[in-house]
PDB file of N, CA and C in Angstrom:
ATOM      1  N   MET A   1       2.991   8.376 -33.516  1.00  0.00           N
ATOM      2  CA  MET A   1       2.103   8.461 -32.406  1.00  0.00           C
ATOM      3  C   MET A   1       0.835   8.016 -32.897  1.00  0.00           C
ATOM      4  N   LYS A   2      -0.083   8.567 -34.158  1.00  0.00           N
ATOM      5  CA  LYS A   2      -1.178   8.191 -34.155  1.00  0.00           C
ATOM      6  C   LYS A   2      -1.302   6.855 -34.589  1.00  0.00           C
ATOM      7  N   LYS A   3      -0.138   6.289 -35.117  1.00  0.00           N
ATOM      8  CA  LYS A   3      -0.334   4.888 -35.700  1.00  0.00           C
ATOM      9  C   LYS A   3      -0.257   4.227 -34.353  1.00  0.00           C
ATOM     10  N   ALA A   4       0.551   4.911 -33.478  1.00  0.00           N
ATOM     11  CA  ALA A   4       0.716   3.831 -32.086  1.00  0.00           C
ATOM     12  C   ALA A   4      -1.049   3.552 -31.406  1.00  0.00           C
ATOM     13  N   LEU A   5      -1.234   4.603 -30.965  1.00  0.00           N
ATOM     14  CA  LEU A   5      -2.625   4.815 -30.585  1.00  0.00           C
ATOM     15  C   LEU A   5      -3.784   4.159 -31.460  1.00  0.00           C
ATOM     16  N   LEU A   6      -3.747   4.153 -32.947  1.00  0.00           N
ATOM     17  CA  LEU A   6      -4.576   3.213 -33.596  1.00  0.00           C
ATOM     18  C   LEU A   6      -4.306   1.720 -33.417  1.00  0.00           C
ATOM     19  N   GLY A   7      -3.197   1.412 -32.874  1.00  0.00           N
ATOM     20  CA  GLY A   7      -2.557  -0.072 -32.915  1.00  0.00           C
ATOM     21  C   GLY A   7      -3.054  -0.500 -31.489  1.00  0.00           C
ATOM     22  N   LEU A   8      -2.837   0.353 -30.805  1.00  0.00           N
ATOM     23  CA  LEU A   8      -2.825  -0.019 -29.121  1.00  0.00           C
ATOM     24  C   LEU A   8      -4.902   0.063 -29.283  1.00  0.00           C
ATOM     25  N   ALA A   9      -5.953   1.121 -29.551  1.00  0.00           N
ATOM     26  CA  ALA A   9      -7.077   0.823 -30.159  1.00  0.00           C
ATOM     27  C   ALA A   9      -7.531  -0.303 -30.489  1.00  0.00           C
ATOM     28  N   LEU A  10      -6.642  -0.580 -31.473  1.00  0.00           N
ATOM     29  CA  LEU A  10      -6.924  -1.791 -32.030  1.00  0.00           C
ATOM     30  C   LEU A  10      -6.647  -3.421 -31.394  1.00  0.00           C
ATOM     31  N   MET A  11      -5.899  -3.322 -30.736  1.00  0.00           N
ATOM     32  CA  MET A  11      -5.559  -4.464 -29.806  1.00  0.00           C
ATOM     33  C   MET A  11      -6.160  -4.723 -28.808  1.00  0.00           C
ATOM     34  N   LEU A  12      -7.114  -3.178 -28.042  1.00  0.00           N
ATOM     35  CA  LEU A  12      -7.841  -3.549 -26.938  1.00  0.00           C
ATOM     36  C   LEU A  12      -9.231  -3.663 -27.171  1.00  0.00           C
ATOM     37  N   SER A  13      -9.783  -3.753 -28.297  1.00  0.00           N
ATOM     38  CA  SER A  13     -10.967  -3.987 -29.350  1.00  0.00           C
ATOM     39  C   SER A  13     -10.928  -5.408 -29.490  1.00  0.00           C
ATOM     40  N   ALA A  14      -9.674  -5.596 -29.829  1.00  0.00           N
ATOM     41  CA  ALA A  14      -9.909  -7.326 -29.634  1.00  0.00           C
ATOM     42  C   ALA A  14      -9.126  -7.667 -28.822  1.00  0.00           C
ATOM     43  N   CYS A  15      -9.649  -7.706 -27.647  1.00  0.00           N
ATOM     44  CA  CYS A  15      -9.745  -8.286 -26.096  1.00  0.00           C
ATOM     45  C   CYS A  15     -11.070  -8.866 -26.132  1.00  0.00           C
ATOM     46  N   THR A  16     -11.283 -10.082 -25.804  1.00  0.00           N
ATOM     47  CA  THR A  16     -12.379 -10.549 -25.559  1.00  0.00           C
ATOM     48  C   THR A  16     -12.346 -11.481 -24.352  1.00  0.00           C
ATOM     49  N   ASP A  17     -11.135 -11.293 -23.556  1.00  0.00           N
ATOM     50  CA  ASP A  17     -11.283 -12.079 -22.581  1.00  0.00           C
ATOM     51  C   ASP A  17     -12.157 -11.381 -20.968  1.00  0.00           C
ATOM     52  N   LEU A  18     -12.171 -10.102 -21.278  1.00  0.00           N
ATOM     53  CA  LEU A  18     -12.522  -9.389 -19.988  1.00  0.00           C
ATOM     54  C   LEU A  18     -14.274  -9.603 -20.003  1.00  0.00           C
ATOM     55  N   PRO A  19     -14.011  -9.305 -18.865  1.00  0.00           N
ATOM     56  CA  PRO A  19     -15.822 -10.007 -18.347  1.00  0.00           C
ATOM     57  C   PRO A  19     -16.378  -8.521 -18.871  1.00  0.00           C
ATOM     58  N   ALA A  20     -18.061  -8.929 -19.356  1.00  0.00           N
ATOM     59  CA  ALA A  20     -18.785  -7.974 -19.243  1.00  0.00           C
ATOM     60  C   ALA A  20     -18.748  -6.790 -18.678  1.00  0.00           C
ATOM     61  N   ASP A  21     -18.806  -7.082 -17.120  1.00  0.00           N
ATOM     62  CA  ASP A  21     -18.775  -6.122 -16.170  1.00  0.00           C
ATOM     63  C   ASP A  21     -17.354  -5.317 -15.643  1.00  0.00           C
ATOM     64  N   TRP A  22     -16.297  -5.602 -16.611  1.00  0.00           N
ATOM     65  CA  TRP A  22     -14.993  -5.284 -16.013  1.00  0.00           C
ATOM     66  C   TRP A  22     -14.723  -3.928 -15.248  1.00  0.00           C
ATOM     67  N   THR A  23     -15.358  -3.085 -15.616  1.00  0.00           N
ATOM     68  CA  THR A  23     -15.261  -2.010 -14.370  1.00  0.00           C
ATOM     69  C   THR A  23     -15.637  -2.325 -13.087  1.00  0.00           C
ATOM     70  N   VAL A  24     -17.218  -2.935 -12.856  1.00  0.00           N
ATOM     71  CA  VAL A  24     -17.647  -3.218 -11.368  1.00  0.00           C
ATOM     72  C   VAL A  24     -16.471  -3.902 -11.079  1.00  0.00           C
ATOM     73  N   SER A  25     -15.761  -4.846 -11.582  1.00  0.00           N
ATOM     74  CA  SER A  25     -15.080  -5.763 -10.775  1.00  0.00           C
ATOM     75  C   SER A  25     -13.568  -5.115 -10.280  1.00  0.00           C
ATOM     76  N   ARG A  26     -13.625  -3.878 -10.853  1.00  0.00           N
ATOM     77  CA  ARG A  26     -12.160  -2.984 -10.094  1.00  0.00           C
ATOM     78  C   ARG A  26     -12.702  -2.408  -9.058  1.00  0.00           C
ATOM     79  N   ALA A  27     -13.866  -2.707  -7.910  1.00  0.00           N
ATOM     80  CA  ALA A  27     -14.438  -2.025  -7.308  1.00  0.00           C
ATOM     81  C   ALA A  27     -13.852  -2.118  -6.076  1.00  0.00           C
ATOM     82  N   ALA A  28     -13.576  -1.062  -5.241  1.00  0.00           N
ATOM     83  CA  ALA A  28     -13.216  -1.352  -3.572  1.00  0.00           C
ATOM     84  C   ALA A  28     -13.675  -2.816  -3.040  1.00  0.00           C
ATOM     85  N   PRO A  29     -13.584  -3.424  -2.154  1.00  0.00           N
ATOM     86  CA  PRO A  29     -13.969  -4.683  -1.478  1.00  0.00           C
ATOM     87  C   PRO A  29     -14.947  -3.940  -0.598  1.00  0.00           C
ATOM     88  N   VAL A  30     -15.643  -5.425  -0.151  1.00  0.00           N
ATOM     89  CA  VAL A  30     -16.948  -4.686   0.623  1.00  0.00           C
ATOM     90  C   VAL A  30     -16.588  -5.310   1.796  1.00  0.00           C
ATOM     91  N   THR A  31     -16.298  -4.745   3.488  1.00  0.00           N
ATOM     92  CA  THR A  31     -15.869  -5.653   4.530  1.00  0.00           C
ATOM     93  C   THR A  31     -16.804  -5.471   5.778  1.00  0.00           C
ATOM     94  N   GLN A  32     -17.380  -6.655   6.227  1.00  0.00           N
ATOM     95  CA  GLN A  32     -18.556  -6.422   7.180  1.00  0.00           C
ATOM     96  C   GLN A  32     -17.285  -6.830   8.451  1.00  0.00           C
ATOM     97  N   VAL A  33     -17.559  -5.961   9.550  1.00  0.00           N
ATOM     98  CA  VAL A  33     -17.025  -6.068  10.928  1.00  0.00           C
ATOM     99  C   VAL A  33     -18.074  -6.073  12.044  1.00  0.00           C
ATOM    100  N   THR A  34     -17.912  -6.497  12.844  1.00  0.00           N
ATOM    101  CA  THR A  34     -19.022  -6.577  14.097  1.00  0.00           C
ATOM    102  C   THR A  34     -18.119  -5.270  15.577  1.00  0.00           C
ATOM    103  N   VAL A  35     -19.061  -4.401  15.751  1.00  0.00           N
ATOM    104  CA  VAL A  35     -18.864  -3.464  16.466  1.00  0.00           C
ATOM    105  C   VAL A  35     -20.007  -3.462  17.564  1.00  0.00           C
ATOM    106  N   TRP A  36     -19.190  -3.817  18.773  1.00  0.00           N
ATOM    107  CA  TRP A  36     -20.590  -3.687  19.710  1.00  0.00           C
ATOM    108  C   TRP A  36     -21.490  -4.423  20.092  1.00  0.00           C
ATOM    109  N   GLY A  37     -21.782  -5.660  18.971  1.00  0.00           N
ATOM    110  CA  GLY A  37     -22.664  -6.622  18.664  1.00  0.00           C
ATOM    111  C   GLY A  37     -23.340  -6.299  17.570  1.00  0.00           C
ATOM    112  N   ARG A  38     -23.012  -5.344  16.976  1.00  0.00           N
ATOM    113  CA  ARG A  38     -23.945  -4.534  15.556  1.00  0.00           C
ATOM    114  C   ARG A  38     -23.092  -5.397  14.424  1.00  0.00           C
ATOM    115  N   VAL A  39     -23.488  -5.663  12.919  1.00  0.00           N
ATOM    116  CA  VAL A  39     -22.589  -5.595  12.216  1.00  0.00           C
ATOM    117  C   VAL A  39     -22.591  -4.395  11.443  1.00  0.00           C
ATOM    118  N   TRP A  40     -21.428  -4.089  10.656  1.00  0.00           N
ATOM    119  CA  TRP A  40     -21.413  -3.018  10.010  1.00  0.00           C
ATOM    120  C   TRP A  40     -20.794  -3.408   8.699  1.00  0.00           C
ATOM    121  N   THR A  41     -21.064  -2.854   7.450  1.00  0.00           N
ATOM    122  CA  THR A  41     -20.580  -2.858   6.536  1.00  0.00           C
ATOM    123  C   THR A  41     -19.904  -1.538   5.800  1.00  0.00           C
ATOM    124  N   VAL A  42     -18.557  -1.574   5.747  1.00  0.00           N
ATOM    125  CA  VAL A  42     -18.212  -0.604   5.108  1.00  0.00           C
ATOM    126  C   VAL A  42     -17.250  -0.752   3.884  1.00  0.00           C
ATOM    127  N   SER A  43     -17.147   0.387   2.918  1.00  0.00           N
ATOM    128  CA  SER A  43     -16.992  -0.029   1.937  1.00  0.00           C
ATOM    129  C   SER A  43     -16.826   1.210   1.176  1.00  0.00           C
ATOM    130  N   GLN A  44     -16.037   1.695  -0.156  1.00  0.00           N
ATOM    131  CA  GLN A  44     -15.557   2.981  -0.769  1.00  0.00           C
ATOM    132  C   GLN A  44     -16.511   2.751  -1.880  1.00  0.00           C
ATOM    133  N   PRO A  45     -17.722   3.888  -1.895  1.00  0.00           N
ATOM    134  CA  PRO A  45     -18.794   4.112  -2.616  1.00  0.00           C
ATOM    135  C   PRO A  45     -17.925   5.054  -3.829  1.00  0.00           C
ATOM    136  N   GLN A  46     -18.209   4.303  -5.316  1.00  0.00           N
ATOM    137  CA  GLN A  46     -17.285   5.167  -6.176  1.00  0.00           C
ATOM    138  C   GLN A  46     -17.961   6.544  -6.781  1.00  0.00           C
ATOM    139  N   ASP A  47     -19.196   7.102  -6.413  1.00  0.00           N
ATOM    140  CA  ASP A  47     -19.864   8.483  -6.466  1.00  0.00           C
ATOM    141  C   ASP A  47     -19.472   9.380  -5.269  1.00  0.00           C
ATOM    142  N   LYS A  48     -18.496   9.027  -4.747  1.00  0.00           N
ATOM    143  CA  LYS A  48     -17.861   9.597  -3.668  1.00  0.00           C
ATOM    144  C   LYS A  48     -16.583   9.687  -3.408  1.00  0.00           C
ATOM    145  N   PRO A  49     -15.728  10.178  -4.576  1.00  0.00           N
ATOM    146  CA  PRO A  49     -14.031  10.109  -4.503  1.00  0.00           C
ATOM    147  C   PRO A  49     -13.516  10.228  -2.680  1.00  0.00           C
ATOM    148  N   GLY A  50     -12.767   9.614  -2.381  1.00  0.00           N
ATOM    149  CA  GLY A  50     -12.237   9.819  -1.294  1.00  0.00           C
ATOM    150  C   GLY A  50     -12.808   9.772   0.211  1.00  0.00           C
ATOM    151  N   PHE A  51     -13.813   9.162  -0.128  1.00  0.00           N
ATOM    152  CA  PHE A  51     -14.732   8.744   1.145  1.00  0.00           C
ATOM    153  C   PHE A  51     -14.838   7.304   0.976  1.00  0.00           C
ATOM    154  N   PHE A  52     -14.916   6.933   2.552  1.00  0.00           N
ATOM    155  CA  PHE A  52     -15.720   5.732   2.980  1.00  0.00           C
ATOM    156  C   PHE A  52     -16.986   5.836   3.337  1.00  0.00           C
ATOM    157  N   ARG A  53     -17.962   4.427   3.440  1.00  0.00           N
ATOM    158  CA  ARG A  53     -19.316   4.659   3.878  1.00  0.00           C
ATOM    159  C   ARG A  53     -19.518   3.224   4.952  1.00  0.00           C
ATOM    160  N   ALA A  54     -19.820   3.439   5.896  1.00  0.00           N
ATOM    161  CA  ALA A  54     -20.249   2.234   7.125  1.00  0.00           C
ATOM    162  C   ALA A  54     -21.662   2.245   6.760  1.00  0.00           C
ATOM    163  N   VAL A  55     -22.524   1.107   7.044  1.00  0.00           N
ATOM    164  CA  VAL A  55     -23.919   1.042   6.867  1.00  0.00           C
ATOM    165  C   VAL A  55     -24.282  -0.153   8.069  1.00  0.00           C
ATOM    166  N   ARG A  56     -24.890   0.459   9.280  1.00  0.00           N
ATOM    167  CA  ARG A  56     -25.249  -0.800  10.095  1.00  0.00           C
ATOM    168  C   ARG A  56     -26.572  -1.442   9.731  1.00  0.00           C
ATOM    169  N   ASP A  57     -26.213  -2.667  10.153  1.00  0.00           N
ATOM    170  CA  ASP A  57     -27.685  -3.642   9.682  1.00  0.00           C
ATOM    171  C   ASP A  57     -28.608  -3.206  10.841  1.00  0.00           C
ATOM    172  N   ASN A  58     -29.930  -3.596  10.344  1.00  0.00           N
ATOM    173  CA  ASN A  58     -30.800  -3.178  11.603  1.00  0.00           C
ATOM    174  C   ASN A  58     -31.180  -4.583  12.421  1.00  0.00           C
ATOM    175  N   ASN A  59     -30.703  -5.157  12.435  1.00  0.00           N
ATOM    176  CA  ASN A  59     -30.513  -6.268  13.274  1.00  0.00           C
ATOM    177  C   ASN A  59     -31.998  -6.834  13.303  1.00  0.00           C
ATOM    178  N   ASN A  60     -32.540  -7.134  12.567  1.00  0.00           N
ATOM    179  CA  ASN A  60     -33.887  -7.909  11.796  1.00  0.00           C
ATOM    180  C   ASN A  60     -34.932  -7.569  12.766  1.00  0.00           C
ATOM    181  N   LEU A  61     -34.652  -5.889  13.323  1.00  0.00           N
ATOM    182  CA  LEU A  61     -35.606  -5.375  14.197  1.00  0.00           C
ATOM    183  C   LEU A  61     -35.840  -6.364  15.589  1.00  0.00           C
ATOM    184  N   ASN A  62     -34.694  -6.397  15.768  1.00  0.00           N
ATOM    185  CA  ASN A  62     -34.750  -7.258  17.299  1.00  0.00           C
ATOM    186  C   ASN A  62     -34.997  -6.334  18.478  1.00  0.00           C
ATOM    187  N   PRO A  63     -35.901  -6.010  18.788  1.00  0.00           N
ATOM    188  CA  PRO A  63     -35.930  -5.147  20.118  1.00  0.00           C
ATOM    189  C   PRO A  63     -34.824  -5.720  21.285  1.00  0.00           C
ATOM    190  N   TYR A  64     -34.429  -6.899  21.178  1.00  0.00           N
ATOM    191  CA  TYR A  64     -33.871  -7.090  22.306  1.00  0.00           C
ATOM    192  C   TYR A  64     -32.207  -7.460  22.258  1.00  0.00           C
ATOM    193  N   GLY A  65     -31.719  -6.643  21.228  1.00  0.00           N
ATOM    194  CA  GLY A  65     -30.566  -6.693  20.290  1.00  0.00           C
ATOM    195  C   GLY A  65     -29.602  -6.451  21.495  1.00  0.00           C
ATOM    196  N   PRO A  66     -28.244  -5.874  20.985  1.00  0.00           N
ATOM    197  CA  PRO A  66     -27.490  -5.548  21.719  1.00  0.00           C
ATOM    198  C   PRO A  66     -27.656  -4.028  21.936  1.00  0.00           C
ATOM    199  N   PRO A  67     -27.076  -3.615  23.469  1.00  0.00           N
ATOM    200  CA  PRO A  67     -27.383  -2.321  24.052  1.00  0.00           C
ATOM    201  C   PRO A  67     -27.348  -1.153  22.691  1.00  0.00           C
ATOM    202  N   ALA A  68     -28.030  -0.167  23.009  1.00  0.00           N
ATOM    203  CA  ALA A  68     -28.029   0.607  22.217  1.00  0.00           C
ATOM    204  C   ALA A  68     -26.578   2.275  22.388  1.00  0.00           C
ATOM    205  N   ARG A  69     -26.456   2.490  21.009  1.00  0.00           N
ATOM    206  CA  ARG A  69     -24.758   3.196  21.239  1.00  0.00           C
ATOM    207  C   ARG A  69     -25.074   4.336  20.220  1.00  0.00           C
ATOM    208  N   LEU A  70     -24.504   5.265  20.215  1.00  0.00           N
ATOM    209  CA  LEU A  70     -24.175   6.302  19.571  1.00  0.00           C
ATOM    210  C   LEU A  70     -24.036   5.610  18.046  1.00  0.00           C
ATOM    211  N   ARG A  71     -24.513   6.029  17.119  1.00  0.00           N
ATOM    212  CA  ARG A  71     -24.205   5.678  15.301  1.00  0.00           C
ATOM    213  C   ARG A  71     -22.712   5.989  15.659  1.00  0.00           C
ATOM    214  N   THR A  72     -22.318   6.931  15.582  1.00  0.00           N
ATOM    215  CA  THR A  72     -21.266   7.893  14.999  1.00  0.00           C
ATOM    216  C   THR A  72     -19.837   7.317  15.763  1.00  0.00           C
ATOM    217  N   HIS A  73     -20.371   6.835  16.928  1.00  0.00           N
ATOM    218  CA  HIS A  73     -19.084   6.160  17.791  1.00  0.00           C
ATOM    219  C   HIS A  73     -18.893   4.554  17.095  1.00  0.00           C
ATOM    220  N   GLN A  74     -20.088   4.006  16.773  1.00  0.00           N
ATOM    221  CA  GLN A  74     -20.134   2.592  16.297  1.00  0.00           C
ATOM    222  C   GLN A  74     -19.024   2.873  14.972  1.00  0.00           C
ATOM    223  N   ALA A  75     -19.679   3.747  13.877  1.00  0.00           N
ATOM    224  CA  ALA A  75     -19.195   4.250  12.724  1.00  0.00           C
ATOM    225  C   ALA A  75     -17.778   4.438  12.744  1.00  0.00           C
ATOM    226  N   ILE A  76     -17.093   4.966  13.869  1.00  0.00           N
ATOM    227  CA  ILE A  76     -16.010   5.023  13.929  1.00  0.00           C
ATOM    228  C   ILE A  76     -15.036   4.074  14.009  1.00  0.00           C
ATOM    229  N   ARG A  77     -15.217   3.209  15.162  1.00  0.00           N
ATOM    230  CA  ARG A  77     -14.949   1.941  15.496  1.00  0.00           C
ATOM    231  C   ARG A  77     -15.000   1.005  14.281  1.00  0.00           C
ATOM    232  N   ALA A  78     -15.683   1.423  13.267  1.00  0.00           N
ATOM    233  CA  ALA A  78     -16.098   0.230  12.352  1.00  0.00           C
ATOM    234  C   ALA A  78     -15.515   0.528  10.956  1.00  0.00           C
ATOM    235  N   PHE A  79     -15.100   1.729  10.610  1.00  0.00           N
ATOM    236  CA  PHE A  79     -14.055   2.401   9.631  1.00  0.00           C
ATOM    237  C   PHE A  79     -12.561   1.536  10.207  1.00  0.00           C
ATOM    238  N   HIS A  80     -12.355   1.576  11.545  1.00  0.00           N
ATOM    239  CA  HIS A  80     -11.208   1.307  11.869  1.00  0.00           C
ATOM    240  C   HIS A  80     -10.806   0.083  11.797  1.00  0.00           C
ATOM    241  N   ALA A  81     -11.878  -0.656  12.158  1.00  0.00           N
ATOM    242  CA  ALA A  81     -11.673  -2.423  11.971  1.00  0.00           C
ATOM    243  C   ALA A  81     -11.740  -3.031  10.917  1.00  0.00           C
ATOM    244  N   ALA A  82     -12.437  -1.900   9.707  1.00  0.00           N
ATOM    245  CA  ALA A  82     -12.190  -2.220   8.333  1.00  0.00           C
ATOM    246  C   ALA A  82     -11.109  -2.450   7.657  1.00  0.00           C
ATOM    247  N   THR A  83     -10.806  -0.971   8.127  1.00  0.00           N
ATOM    248  CA  THR A  83      -9.432  -0.735   7.201  1.00  0.00           C
ATOM    249  C   THR A  83      -7.765  -0.230   7.916  1.00  0.00           C
ATOM    250  N   GLY A  84      -8.116  -0.461   9.027  1.00  0.00           N
ATOM    251  CA  GLY A  84      -6.767  -0.089   9.503  1.00  0.00           C
ATOM    252  C   GLY A  84      -6.775   1.532   9.891  1.00  0.00           C
ATOM    253  N   CYS A  85      -7.655   2.152   9.351  1.00  0.00           N
ATOM    254  CA  CYS A  85      -7.373   3.875   9.268  1.00  0.00           C
ATOM    255  C   CYS A  85      -8.417   4.351  10.048  1.00  0.00           C
ATOM    256  N   ARG A  86      -7.832   5.411  10.686  1.00  0.00           N
ATOM    257  CA  ARG A  86      -9.040   6.329  11.680  1.00  0.00           C
ATOM    258  C   ARG A  86      -9.805   7.335  10.873  1.00  0.00           C
ATOM    259  N   ALA A  87     -10.823   7.508  10.959  1.00  0.00           N
ATOM    260  CA  ALA A  87     -12.120   8.341  10.578  1.00  0.00           C
ATOM    261  C   ALA A  87     -11.493   9.727  10.874  1.00  0.00           C
ATOM    262  N   VAL A  88     -11.596  10.544   9.886  1.00  0.00           N
ATOM    263  CA  VAL A  88     -11.798  12.038  10.181  1.00  0.00           C
ATOM    264  C   VAL A  88     -12.967  12.465  10.877  1.00  0.00           C
ATOM    265  N   TYR A  89     -13.223  12.848  11.716  1.00  0.00           N
ATOM    266  CA  TYR A  89     -14.001  12.938  12.687  1.00  0.00           C
ATOM    267  C   TYR A  89     -14.761  14.607  11.867  1.00  0.00           C
ATOM    268  N   ALA A  90     -13.767  15.669  11.258  1.00  0.00           N
ATOM    269  CA  ALA A  90     -14.496  16.645  11.049  1.00  0.00           C
ATOM    270  C   ALA A  90     -15.135  16.506   9.545  1.00  0.00           C
ATOM    271  N   THR A  91     -14.883  15.392   9.198  1.00  0.00           N
ATOM    272  CA  THR A  91     -15.540  15.215   7.623  1.00  0.00           C
ATOM    273  C   THR A  91     -16.785  14.327   7.306  1.00  0.00           C
ATOM    274  N   MET A  92     -16.880  13.371   8.997  1.00  0.00           N
ATOM    275  CA  MET A  92     -17.897  13.125   8.947  1.00  0.00           C
ATOM    276  C   MET A  92     -19.362  13.359   9.048  1.00  0.00           C
ATOM    277  N   TYR A  93     -20.410  12.503   7.868  1.00  0.00           N
ATOM    278  CA  TYR A  93     -21.719  12.958   7.931  1.00  0.00           C
ATOM    279  C   TYR A  93     -22.732  11.546   7.815  1.00  0.00           C
ATOM    280  N   GLN A  94     -23.812  12.168   8.117  1.00  0.00           N
ATOM    281  CA  GLN A  94     -24.715  10.863   7.541  1.00  0.00           C
ATOM    282  C   GLN A  94     -25.899  11.474   6.734  1.00  0.00           C
ATOM    283  N   ASN A  95     -26.596  10.397   6.052  1.00  0.00           N
ATOM    284  CA  ASN A  95     -27.536  10.991   5.146  1.00  0.00           C
ATOM    285  C   ASN A  95     -29.057  10.216   5.762  1.00  0.00           C
ATOM    286  N   ILE A  96     -29.754  10.311   5.348  1.00  0.00           N
ATOM    287  CA  ILE A  96     -31.091  10.096   5.813  1.00  0.00           C
ATOM    288  C   ILE A  96     -31.614   8.805   6.100  1.00  0.00           C
ATOM    289  N   SER A  97     -30.983   8.017   5.336  1.00  0.00           N
ATOM    290  CA  SER A  97     -30.721   6.295   5.369  1.00  0.00           C
ATOM    291  C   SER A  97     -30.034   5.865   6.268  1.00  0.00           C
ATOM    292  N   GLY A  98     -28.961   6.596   7.167  1.00  0.00           N
ATOM    293  CA  GLY A  98     -28.987   6.061   8.066  1.00  0.00           C
ATOM    294  C   GLY A  98     -26.841   5.690   8.005  1.00  0.00           C
ATOM    295  N   GLU A  99     -26.434   5.799   6.624  1.00  0.00           N
ATOM    296  CA  GLU A  99     -24.895   5.530   6.174  1.00  0.00           C
ATOM    297  C   GLU A  99     -24.246   6.292   6.397  1.00  0.00           C
ATOM    298  N   VAL A 100     -23.095   6.383   6.861  1.00  0.00           N
ATOM    299  CA  VAL A 100     -22.260   7.520   7.765  1.00  0.00           C
ATOM    300  C   VAL A 100     -20.814   7.380   6.238  1.00  0.00           C
ATOM    301  N   PHE A 101     -20.670   8.359   6.120  1.00  0.00           N
ATOM    302  CA  PHE A 101     -19.572   8.661   4.848  1.00  0.00           C
ATOM    303  C   PHE A 101     -18.195   9.192   5.686  1.00  0.00           C
ATOM    304  N   SER A 102     -16.606   9.215   5.537  1.00  0.00           N
ATOM    305  CA  SER A 102     -16.264  10.108   6.359  1.00  0.00           C
ATOM    306  C   SER A 102     -15.159   9.600   5.360  1.00  0.00           C
ATOM    307  N   GLN A 103     -13.778  10.570   5.526  1.00  0.00           N
ATOM    308  CA  GLN A 103     -12.754  10.465   4.913  1.00  0.00           C
ATOM    309  C   GLN A 103     -11.936   9.813   6.038  1.00  0.00           C
ATOM    310  N   LEU A 104     -10.569   8.898   5.370  1.00  0.00           N
ATOM    311  CA  LEU A 104     -10.155   8.625   6.437  1.00  0.00           C
ATOM    312  C   LEU A 104      -8.440   8.686   6.308  1.00  0.00           C
ATOM    313  N   ASP A 105      -7.722   8.870   7.642  1.00  0.00           N
ATOM    314  CA  ASP A 105      -6.814   9.292   7.755  1.00  0.00           C
ATOM    315  C   ASP A 105      -5.747   7.987   7.986  1.00  0.00           C
ATOM    316  N   CYS A 106      -5.040   7.542   7.220  1.00  0.00           N
ATOM    317  CA  CYS A 106      -4.382   6.562   7.107  1.00  0.00           C
ATOM    318  C   CYS A 106      -2.912   6.423   7.535  1.00  0.00           C
ATOM    319  N   PRO A 107      -2.169   5.664   8.460  1.00  0.00           N
ATOM    320  CA  PRO A 107      -0.886   5.689   8.530  1.00  0.00           C
ATOM    321  C   PRO A 107       0.430   5.607   7.410  1.00  0.00           C
ATOM    322  N   ALA A 108       1.220   6.525   7.365  1.00  0.00           N
ATOM    323  CA  ALA A 108       2.112   6.186   6.284  1.00  0.00           C
ATOM    324  C   ALA A 108       2.908   4.811   5.894  1.00  0.00           C
ATOM    325  N   ALA A 109       2.916   4.390   5.064  1.00  0.00           N
ATOM    326  CA  ALA A 109       3.214   2.711   4.880  1.00  0.00           C
ATOM    327  C   ALA A 109       5.049   2.983   5.267  1.00  0.00           C
ATOM    328  N   ASN A 110       5.743   2.003   5.995  1.00  0.00           N
ATOM    329  CA  ASN A 110       7.078   2.395   6.412  1.00  0.00           C
ATOM    330  C   ASN A 110       7.650   1.193   4.930  1.00  0.00           C
TER     331      ASN A 110
END
């Protein structure tokens, strides 16, 4: 067993085809969606497993942008548009920067 692990470790150390940031390249993709005229970015942060993050753009500080809507309702729609899963309202929270975090309830794959 020890020899097999040593051989595996030697093979992995000999791999030079991996990019320098190979752990970052395996991160979940970032998706941009539009909800009620505002662009949201939905991603899965690596530091909060099981949660997804939605961030609304600042609309370039345009006072004549789309009408105001509650951020929570927009975030729920952004999570659904980006992933196809429903946000679990009881797990949603926002930080002071306006990022919305939530766990998602995805339908079972048939």
